[in-house]
Amino acid sequence: MFIDTHVHLNADQYDEDLQQVINRALEAKVEKMIVVGFDRKTIERAMALADQYEFIYAVIGWHPVDAIDCTEDDLIWIEELTKHPKVVGIGETGLDYHWDKSPKDIQQTLFRKQIQLAQKVNLPIIIHNREATGDIVKILREENAASVGGIMHCFSGSVETAKECIAMNFMISLGGPVTFKNAKTPKEVASEISLEHLLIETDAPYLAPHPYRGKRNEPSLVPLVAEEIARIKGIPVEEVGKITSENAARIFNI
């Protein structure tokens, strides 16, 4: 069995065939899926999916790229929604210095506010990091994010950074990129970081694993991530599925 710890079934890309996508995931032994909402529209959809399907849970927060659009009312609304029993995390939040829609200072302020919200409601934080590792680690330390911990989503950093994050009570989540032939760093992380600190995810509809790279991703492909980790570690894929699922169940309290 597998748990896809980060998937966007609330994305427009699934409007035509969502039920078939979910069916394929269940057939592939993906027993639970964590759907992540990151703005008004996707949060509302994540909540609806969590209500509709017993095996779907919601993570809700505000994406750093759109930080400039987030209001205090939005944060109050998110806090209110955390009372729902199937809301299991805050995010995805973090920093994204690749796109320049939201200035860095606005992103950082919103990131801090969401860490503080996670601490207030006692939920793990799901971190989006693009080209901002130094500032993310610094802010996590300054805000004592270790008090609730969380997940470094679709981790692309070094083994050293992974160990820093683990020391702050964060899990390392690997997705499709670990399967790419030229993905030296994610493969090193899969090799060096013990299974007890790893999760698997798709980030679907994005980042489809090999041999589907460039196509629409979906949660039925998360076993391919597990298979690559198993290959790198020289262990059965069933063990990767079991331990990463136990890790996910523990951090999300599901």
C-alpha atoms as a PDB file:
ATOM      1  CA  MET A   1       0.000   0.000   0.000  1.00  0.00           C
ATOM      2  CA  PHE A   2       1.090   3.577  -0.692  1.00  0.00           C
ATOM      3  CA  ILE A   3       0.081   7.066   0.444  1.00  0.00           C
ATOM      4  CA  ASP A   4       0.438   9.964  -1.999  1.00  0.00           C
ATOM      5  CA  THR A   5       1.312  12.718   0.468  1.00  0.00           C
ATOM      6  CA  HIS A   6       0.977  15.626  -1.980  1.00  0.00           C
ATOM      7  CA  VAL A   7      -1.418  15.687  -4.917  1.00  0.00           C
ATOM      8  CA  HIS A   8      -3.557  18.353  -6.576  1.00  0.00           C
ATOM      9  CA  LEU A   9      -6.697  16.413  -7.527  1.00  0.00           C
ATOM     10  CA  ASN A  10      -8.340  19.827  -7.137  1.00  0.00           C
ATOM     11  CA  ALA A  11      -6.571  21.076 -10.291  1.00  0.00           C
ATOM     12  CA  ASP A  12      -8.424  21.962 -13.495  1.00  0.00           C
ATOM     13  CA  GLN A  13      -6.417  19.260 -15.317  1.00  0.00           C
ATOM     14  CA  TYR A  14      -8.704  16.596 -13.768  1.00  0.00           C
ATOM     15  CA  ASP A  15     -12.042  18.250 -14.549  1.00  0.00           C
ATOM     16  CA  GLU A  16     -12.866  15.741 -17.303  1.00  0.00           C
ATOM     17  CA  ASP A  17     -11.898  12.433 -15.670  1.00  0.00           C
ATOM     18  CA  LEU A  18     -11.410  12.845 -11.920  1.00  0.00           C
ATOM     19  CA  GLN A  19     -13.254   9.660 -10.950  1.00  0.00           C
ATOM     20  CA  GLN A  20     -11.203   7.550 -13.385  1.00  0.00           C
ATOM     21  CA  VAL A  21      -7.994   9.077 -11.970  1.00  0.00           C
ATOM     22  CA  ILE A  22      -9.100   8.188  -8.430  1.00  0.00           C
ATOM     23  CA  ASN A  23     -10.082   4.667  -9.526  1.00  0.00           C
ATOM     24  CA  ARG A  24      -6.662   4.105 -11.112  1.00  0.00           C
ATOM     25  CA  ALA A  25      -4.980   5.257  -7.893  1.00  0.00           C
ATOM     26  CA  LEU A  26      -6.971   2.778  -5.811  1.00  0.00           C
ATOM     27  CA  GLU A  27      -6.192  -0.020  -8.289  1.00  0.00           C
ATOM     28  CA  ALA A  28      -2.487   0.852  -7.916  1.00  0.00           C
ATOM     29  CA  LYS A  29      -2.834   0.325  -4.132  1.00  0.00           C
ATOM     30  CA  VAL A  30      -2.640   4.027  -3.311  1.00  0.00           C
ATOM     31  CA  GLU A  31      -4.797   3.778  -0.203  1.00  0.00           C
ATOM     32  CA  LYS A  32      -4.809   7.438   0.849  1.00  0.00           C
ATOM     33  CA  MET A  33      -4.264  10.754  -0.913  1.00  0.00           C
ATOM     34  CA  ILE A  34      -3.476  14.146   0.621  1.00  0.00           C
ATOM     35  CA  VAL A  35      -4.966  16.879  -1.581  1.00  0.00           C
ATOM     36  CA  VAL A  36      -3.272  20.261  -1.205  1.00  0.00           C
ATOM     37  CA  GLY A  37      -5.127  23.556  -1.625  1.00  0.00           C
ATOM     38  CA  PHE A  38      -3.101  26.749  -1.976  1.00  0.00           C
ATOM     39  CA  ASP A  39      -5.599  29.523  -2.798  1.00  0.00           C
ATOM     40  CA  ARG A  40      -9.357  30.128  -2.418  1.00  0.00           C
ATOM     41  CA  LYS A  41     -10.444  27.974  -5.355  1.00  0.00           C
ATOM     42  CA  THR A  42      -8.154  25.006  -4.704  1.00  0.00           C
ATOM     43  CA  ILE A  43      -8.803  25.044  -0.939  1.00  0.00           C
ATOM     44  CA  GLU A  44     -12.569  24.896  -1.530  1.00  0.00           C
ATOM     45  CA  ARG A  45     -12.071  21.981  -3.923  1.00  0.00           C
ATOM     46  CA  ALA A  46      -9.726  20.166  -1.512  1.00  0.00           C
ATOM     47  CA  MET A  47     -12.322  20.463   1.259  1.00  0.00           C
ATOM     48  CA  ALA A  48     -15.058  19.133  -1.024  1.00  0.00           C
ATOM     49  CA  LEU A  49     -12.931  16.125  -2.027  1.00  0.00           C
ATOM     50  CA  ALA A  50     -12.095  15.356   1.622  1.00  0.00           C
ATOM     51  CA  ASP A  51     -15.836  15.419   2.402  1.00  0.00           C
ATOM     52  CA  GLN A  52     -16.693  13.234  -0.583  1.00  0.00           C
ATOM     53  CA  TYR A  53     -14.048  10.486  -0.264  1.00  0.00           C
ATOM     54  CA  GLU A  54     -13.138   8.650   2.928  1.00  0.00           C
ATOM     55  CA  PHE A  55      -9.513   8.128   1.794  1.00  0.00           C
ATOM     56  CA  ILE A  56      -8.828  11.759   0.803  1.00  0.00           C
ATOM     57  CA  TYR A  57      -7.530  14.349   3.281  1.00  0.00           C
ATOM     58  CA  ALA A  58      -6.886  18.080   2.853  1.00  0.00           C
ATOM     59  CA  VAL A  59      -3.871  20.288   3.457  1.00  0.00           C
ATOM     60  CA  ILE A  60      -4.699  23.987   3.195  1.00  0.00           C
ATOM     61  CA  GLY A  61      -2.578  27.113   2.987  1.00  0.00           C
ATOM     62  CA  TRP A  62      -1.417  29.845   0.634  1.00  0.00           C
ATOM     63  CA  HIS A  63       1.219  29.393  -2.054  1.00  0.00           C
ATOM     64  CA  PRO A  64       4.243  31.727  -1.934  1.00  0.00           C
ATOM     65  CA  VAL A  65       3.962  32.644  -5.625  1.00  0.00           C
ATOM     66  CA  ASP A  66       0.538  34.170  -4.857  1.00  0.00           C
ATOM     67  CA  ALA A  67       1.512  35.639  -1.477  1.00  0.00           C
ATOM     68  CA  ILE A  68       0.723  39.132  -2.719  1.00  0.00           C
ATOM     69  CA  ASP A  69      -2.951  38.124  -3.143  1.00  0.00           C
ATOM     70  CA  CYS A  70      -3.394  36.713   0.383  1.00  0.00           C
ATOM     71  CA  THR A  71      -5.404  38.855   2.815  1.00  0.00           C
ATOM     72  CA  GLU A  72      -5.885  38.665   6.574  1.00  0.00           C
ATOM     73  CA  ASP A  73      -9.428  37.459   5.846  1.00  0.00           C
ATOM     74  CA  ASP A  74      -7.987  34.564   3.848  1.00  0.00           C
ATOM     75  CA  LEU A  75      -5.826  33.520   6.818  1.00  0.00           C
ATOM     76  CA  ILE A  76      -8.782  33.768   9.211  1.00  0.00           C
ATOM     77  CA  TRP A  77     -10.807  31.605   6.805  1.00  0.00           C
ATOM     78  CA  ILE A  78      -8.016  29.005   6.620  1.00  0.00           C
ATOM     79  CA  GLU A  79      -7.770  28.928  10.417  1.00  0.00           C
ATOM     80  CA  GLU A  80     -11.532  28.370  10.668  1.00  0.00           C
ATOM     81  CA  LEU A  81     -11.338  25.487   8.168  1.00  0.00           C
ATOM     82  CA  THR A  82      -8.672  23.738  10.254  1.00  0.00           C
ATOM     83  CA  LYS A  83     -11.461  22.759  12.667  1.00  0.00           C
ATOM     84  CA  HIS A  84     -12.582  20.236  10.033  1.00  0.00           C
ATOM     85  CA  PRO A  85     -11.370  16.770  11.134  1.00  0.00           C
ATOM     86  CA  LYS A  86      -9.946  15.943   7.698  1.00  0.00           C
ATOM     87  CA  VAL A  87      -7.700  19.003   7.477  1.00  0.00           C
ATOM     88  CA  VAL A  88      -4.311  17.494   8.331  1.00  0.00           C
ATOM     89  CA  GLY A  89      -1.721  20.181   7.537  1.00  0.00           C
ATOM     90  CA  ILE A  90      -0.974  23.821   6.706  1.00  0.00           C
ATOM     91  CA  GLY A  91       0.445  24.532   3.264  1.00  0.00           C
ATOM     92  CA  GLU A  92       1.759  24.492   0.875  1.00  0.00           C
ATOM     93  CA  THR A  93       3.610  27.500   2.151  1.00  0.00           C
ATOM     94  CA  GLY A  94       7.237  28.528   1.894  1.00  0.00           C
ATOM     95  CA  LEU A  95       9.235  30.613  -0.558  1.00  0.00           C
ATOM     96  CA  ASP A  96       9.537  30.659  -4.344  1.00  0.00           C
ATOM     97  CA  TYR A  97      12.248  32.919  -5.738  1.00  0.00           C
ATOM     98  CA  HIS A  98      11.945  31.565  -9.292  1.00  0.00           C
ATOM     99  CA  TRP A  99       8.836  33.590 -10.151  1.00  0.00           C
ATOM    100  CA  ASP A 100       8.674  37.292  -9.356  1.00  0.00           C
ATOM    101  CA  LYS A 101       4.912  37.823  -8.922  1.00  0.00           C
ATOM    102  CA  SER A 102       5.217  38.265  -5.137  1.00  0.00           C
ATOM    103  CA  PRO A 103       8.144  40.247  -3.650  1.00  0.00           C
ATOM    104  CA  LYS A 104      10.438  38.302  -1.339  1.00  0.00           C
ATOM    105  CA  ASP A 105       9.519  40.309   1.770  1.00  0.00           C
ATOM    106  CA  ILE A 106       5.794  39.654   1.242  1.00  0.00           C
ATOM    107  CA  GLN A 107       6.470  35.938   0.732  1.00  0.00           C
ATOM    108  CA  GLN A 108       8.570  35.804   3.897  1.00  0.00           C
ATOM    109  CA  THR A 109       5.947  37.598   5.984  1.00  0.00           C
ATOM    110  CA  LEU A 110       3.199  35.242   4.809  1.00  0.00           C
ATOM    111  CA  PHE A 111       5.453  32.223   5.385  1.00  0.00           C
ATOM    112  CA  ARG A 112       6.006  33.300   8.991  1.00  0.00           C
ATOM    113  CA  LYS A 113       2.286  33.871   9.512  1.00  0.00           C
ATOM    114  CA  GLN A 114       1.474  30.374   8.246  1.00  0.00           C
ATOM    115  CA  ILE A 115       4.117  28.786  10.489  1.00  0.00           C
ATOM    116  CA  GLN A 116       2.535  30.649  13.410  1.00  0.00           C
ATOM    117  CA  LEU A 117      -0.924  29.465  12.312  1.00  0.00           C
ATOM    118  CA  ALA A 118       0.295  25.862  12.145  1.00  0.00           C
ATOM    119  CA  GLN A 119       1.649  26.207  15.681  1.00  0.00           C
ATOM    120  CA  LYS A 120      -1.639  27.714  16.888  1.00  0.00           C
ATOM    121  CA  VAL A 121      -3.743  24.856  15.469  1.00  0.00           C
ATOM    122  CA  ASN A 122      -1.046  22.183  16.038  1.00  0.00           C
ATOM    123  CA  LEU A 123      -0.761  20.906  12.475  1.00  0.00           C
ATOM    124  CA  PRO A 124       2.355  20.063  10.420  1.00  0.00           C
ATOM    125  CA  ILE A 125       3.637  22.555   7.846  1.00  0.00           C
ATOM    126  CA  ILE A 126       4.072  21.550   4.192  1.00  0.00           C
ATOM    127  CA  ILE A 127       6.956  23.505   2.668  1.00  0.00           C
ATOM    128  CA  HIS A 128       7.320  24.637  -0.947  1.00  0.00           C
ATOM    129  CA  ASN A 129      10.904  25.660  -1.725  1.00  0.00           C
ATOM    130  CA  ARG A 130      12.158  26.957  -5.033  1.00  0.00           C
ATOM    131  CA  GLU A 131      15.569  28.610  -5.144  1.00  0.00           C
ATOM    132  CA  ALA A 132      15.183  29.798  -1.531  1.00  0.00           C
ATOM    133  CA  THR A 133      16.775  27.134   0.681  1.00  0.00           C
ATOM    134  CA  GLY A 134      18.865  29.484   2.835  1.00  0.00           C
ATOM    135  CA  ASP A 135      15.960  31.767   3.707  1.00  0.00           C
ATOM    136  CA  ILE A 136      13.592  28.851   4.309  1.00  0.00           C
ATOM    137  CA  VAL A 137      15.945  27.145   6.781  1.00  0.00           C
ATOM    138  CA  LYS A 138      16.599  30.501   8.498  1.00  0.00           C
ATOM    139  CA  ILE A 139      12.870  31.281   8.905  1.00  0.00           C
ATOM    140  CA  LEU A 140      12.027  27.756  10.085  1.00  0.00           C
ATOM    141  CA  ARG A 141      14.690  28.150  12.784  1.00  0.00           C
ATOM    142  CA  GLU A 142      13.653  31.672  13.799  1.00  0.00           C
ATOM    143  CA  GLU A 143       9.980  30.674  14.068  1.00  0.00           C
ATOM    144  CA  ASN A 144      10.757  27.448  15.965  1.00  0.00           C
ATOM    145  CA  ALA A 145       8.921  25.436  13.301  1.00  0.00           C
ATOM    146  CA  ALA A 146      10.344  22.270  14.874  1.00  0.00           C
ATOM    147  CA  SER A 147       7.598  22.591  17.493  1.00  0.00           C
ATOM    148  CA  VAL A 148       5.097  21.232  14.938  1.00  0.00           C
ATOM    149  CA  GLY A 149       7.429  19.918  12.220  1.00  0.00           C
ATOM    150  CA  GLY A 150       6.219  19.057   8.775  1.00  0.00           C
ATOM    151  CA  ILE A 151       7.262  18.061   5.292  1.00  0.00           C
ATOM    152  CA  MET A 152       9.779  19.365   2.797  1.00  0.00           C
ATOM    153  CA  HIS A 153       7.562  18.822  -0.238  1.00  0.00           C
ATOM    154  CA  CYS A 154       9.129  17.542  -3.463  1.00  0.00           C
ATOM    155  CA  PHE A 155      12.550  17.929  -1.908  1.00  0.00           C
ATOM    156  CA  SER A 156      15.276  18.904  -4.379  1.00  0.00           C
ATOM    157  CA  GLY A 157      18.065  19.982  -2.048  1.00  0.00           C
ATOM    158  CA  SER A 158      21.288  18.328  -0.971  1.00  0.00           C
ATOM    159  CA  VAL A 159      21.826  15.530   1.537  1.00  0.00           C
ATOM    160  CA  GLU A 160      23.257  18.142   3.939  1.00  0.00           C
ATOM    161  CA  THR A 161      20.128  20.313   3.653  1.00  0.00           C
ATOM    162  CA  ALA A 162      17.934  17.240   4.128  1.00  0.00           C
ATOM    163  CA  LYS A 163      19.768  16.454   7.370  1.00  0.00           C
ATOM    164  CA  GLU A 164      19.327  20.066   8.546  1.00  0.00           C
ATOM    165  CA  CYS A 165      15.581  19.822   7.896  1.00  0.00           C
ATOM    166  CA  ILE A 166      15.308  16.424   9.630  1.00  0.00           C
ATOM    167  CA  ALA A 167      17.018  17.964  12.672  1.00  0.00           C
ATOM    168  CA  MET A 168      14.180  20.543  12.694  1.00  0.00           C
ATOM    169  CA  ASN A 169      11.523  17.795  12.804  1.00  0.00           C
ATOM    170  CA  PHE A 170      10.758  17.775   9.052  1.00  0.00           C
ATOM    171  CA  MET A 171      10.217  14.771   6.803  1.00  0.00           C
ATOM    172  CA  ILE A 172      11.801  14.621   3.338  1.00  0.00           C
ATOM    173  CA  SER A 173       9.284  13.934   0.561  1.00  0.00           C
ATOM    174  CA  LEU A 174      10.489  12.646  -2.801  1.00  0.00           C
ATOM    175  CA  GLY A 175       8.471  12.779  -6.000  1.00  0.00           C
ATOM    176  CA  GLY A 176       8.847  12.096  -9.709  1.00  0.00           C
ATOM    177  CA  PRO A 177      12.234  13.821 -10.122  1.00  0.00           C
ATOM    178  CA  VAL A 178      13.975  11.022  -8.163  1.00  0.00           C
ATOM    179  CA  THR A 179      13.157   8.739 -11.118  1.00  0.00           C
ATOM    180  CA  PHE A 180      14.723  11.018 -13.750  1.00  0.00           C
ATOM    181  CA  LYS A 181      17.895   9.536 -15.232  1.00  0.00           C
ATOM    182  CA  ASN A 182      19.942  12.723 -14.695  1.00  0.00           C
ATOM    183  CA  ALA A 183      18.625  13.433 -11.157  1.00  0.00           C
ATOM    184  CA  LYS A 184      21.886  12.949  -9.287  1.00  0.00           C
ATOM    185  CA  THR A 185      20.986  14.935  -6.141  1.00  0.00           C
ATOM    186  CA  PRO A 186      17.539  13.403  -5.412  1.00  0.00           C
ATOM    187  CA  LYS A 187      19.046   9.933  -5.910  1.00  0.00           C
ATOM    188  CA  GLU A 188      21.783  10.799  -3.395  1.00  0.00           C
ATOM    189  CA  VAL A 189      19.110  11.900  -0.911  1.00  0.00           C
ATOM    190  CA  ALA A 190      17.174   8.653  -1.483  1.00  0.00           C
ATOM    191  CA  SER A 191      20.376   6.720  -0.855  1.00  0.00           C
ATOM    192  CA  GLU A 192      21.686   8.607   2.190  1.00  0.00           C
ATOM    193  CA  ILE A 193      18.513   9.490   4.121  1.00  0.00           C
ATOM    194  CA  SER A 194      17.002   6.656   6.133  1.00  0.00           C
ATOM    195  CA  LEU A 195      13.525   5.423   5.217  1.00  0.00           C
ATOM    196  CA  GLU A 196      12.129   6.548   8.577  1.00  0.00           C
ATOM    197  CA  HIS A 197      12.553  10.178   7.415  1.00  0.00           C
ATOM    198  CA  LEU A 198      11.152   9.764   3.879  1.00  0.00           C
ATOM    199  CA  LEU A 199       7.729  10.221   2.283  1.00  0.00           C
ATOM    200  CA  ILE A 200       6.592   9.729  -1.309  1.00  0.00           C
ATOM    201  CA  GLU A 201       4.378  11.996  -3.397  1.00  0.00           C
ATOM    202  CA  THR A 202       3.399  12.816  -6.949  1.00  0.00           C
ATOM    203  CA  ASP A 203       2.672  16.586  -6.880  1.00  0.00           C
ATOM    204  CA  ALA A 204       0.272  15.549  -9.651  1.00  0.00           C
ATOM    205  CA  PRO A 205      -0.656  16.835 -12.185  1.00  0.00           C
ATOM    206  CA  TYR A 206       2.957  18.044 -12.263  1.00  0.00           C
ATOM    207  CA  LEU A 207       6.351  16.256 -12.281  1.00  0.00           C
ATOM    208  CA  ALA A 208       5.305  12.872 -13.663  1.00  0.00           C
ATOM    209  CA  PRO A 209       7.908  10.175 -13.003  1.00  0.00           C
ATOM    210  CA  HIS A 210       9.909   8.388 -15.701  1.00  0.00           C
ATOM    211  CA  PRO A 211       8.773   7.029 -18.176  1.00  0.00           C
ATOM    212  CA  TYR A 212       5.831   9.482 -18.132  1.00  0.00           C
ATOM    213  CA  ARG A 213       7.954  12.624 -17.775  1.00  0.00           C
ATOM    214  CA  GLY A 214       6.288  15.599 -19.453  1.00  0.00           C
ATOM    215  CA  LYS A 215       2.815  14.037 -19.373  1.00  0.00           C
ATOM    216  CA  ARG A 216       0.036  14.726 -16.873  1.00  0.00           C
ATOM    217  CA  ASN A 217       0.908  13.089 -13.576  1.00  0.00           C
ATOM    218  CA  GLU A 218      -1.605  11.286 -11.348  1.00  0.00           C
ATOM    219  CA  PRO A 219      -1.509   9.487  -7.978  1.00  0.00           C
ATOM    220  CA  SER A 220      -1.538   6.014  -9.561  1.00  0.00           C
ATOM    221  CA  LEU A 221       2.101   6.702 -10.517  1.00  0.00           C
ATOM    222  CA  VAL A 222       3.377   7.174  -6.946  1.00  0.00           C
ATOM    223  CA  PRO A 223       4.456   3.481  -6.830  1.00  0.00           C
ATOM    224  CA  LEU A 224       7.081   4.374  -9.483  1.00  0.00           C
ATOM    225  CA  VAL A 225       8.648   6.778  -6.974  1.00  0.00           C
ATOM    226  CA  ALA A 226       8.640   4.007  -4.352  1.00  0.00           C
ATOM    227  CA  GLU A 227      10.174   1.562  -6.855  1.00  0.00           C
ATOM    228  CA  GLU A 228      13.082   3.916  -7.584  1.00  0.00           C
ATOM    229  CA  ILE A 229      13.772   4.483  -3.881  1.00  0.00           C
ATOM    230  CA  ALA A 230      13.645   0.696  -3.370  1.00  0.00           C
ATOM    231  CA  ARG A 231      16.074   0.177  -6.268  1.00  0.00           C
ATOM    232  CA  ILE A 232      18.500   2.781  -4.890  1.00  0.00           C
ATOM    233  CA  LYS A 233      18.365   1.356  -1.370  1.00  0.00           C
ATOM    234  CA  GLY A 234      18.395  -2.282  -2.493  1.00  0.00           C
ATOM    235  CA  ILE A 235      15.234  -3.160  -0.555  1.00  0.00           C
ATOM    236  CA  PRO A 236      11.784  -4.472  -1.574  1.00  0.00           C
ATOM    237  CA  VAL A 237       9.294  -1.879  -2.840  1.00  0.00           C
ATOM    238  CA  GLU A 238       6.800  -3.265  -0.310  1.00  0.00           C
ATOM    239  CA  GLU A 239       9.085  -2.067   2.481  1.00  0.00           C
ATOM    240  CA  VAL A 240       9.232   1.437   0.992  1.00  0.00           C
ATOM    241  CA  GLY A 241       5.434   1.471   0.714  1.00  0.00           C
ATOM    242  CA  LYS A 242       4.963   0.240   4.267  1.00  0.00           C
ATOM    243  CA  ILE A 243       7.435   2.549   6.009  1.00  0.00           C
ATOM    244  CA  THR A 244       6.563   5.705   4.040  1.00  0.00           C
ATOM    245  CA  SER A 245       2.856   5.032   4.667  1.00  0.00           C
ATOM    246  CA  GLU A 246       3.516   4.637   8.391  1.00  0.00           C
ATOM    247  CA  ASN A 247       5.497   7.898   8.313  1.00  0.00           C
ATOM    248  CA  ALA A 248       2.632   9.696   6.544  1.00  0.00           C
ATOM    249  CA  ALA A 249       0.016   8.289   8.926  1.00  0.00           C
ATOM    250  CA  ARG A 250       2.070   9.498  11.877  1.00  0.00           C
ATOM    251  CA  ILE A 251       2.811  13.036  10.651  1.00  0.00           C
ATOM    252  CA  PHE A 252      -0.745  13.646   9.407  1.00  0.00           C
ATOM    253  CA  ASN A 253      -2.332  11.768  12.318  1.00  0.00           C
ATOM    254  CA  ILE A 254      -4.543   9.718   9.964  1.00  0.00           C
END
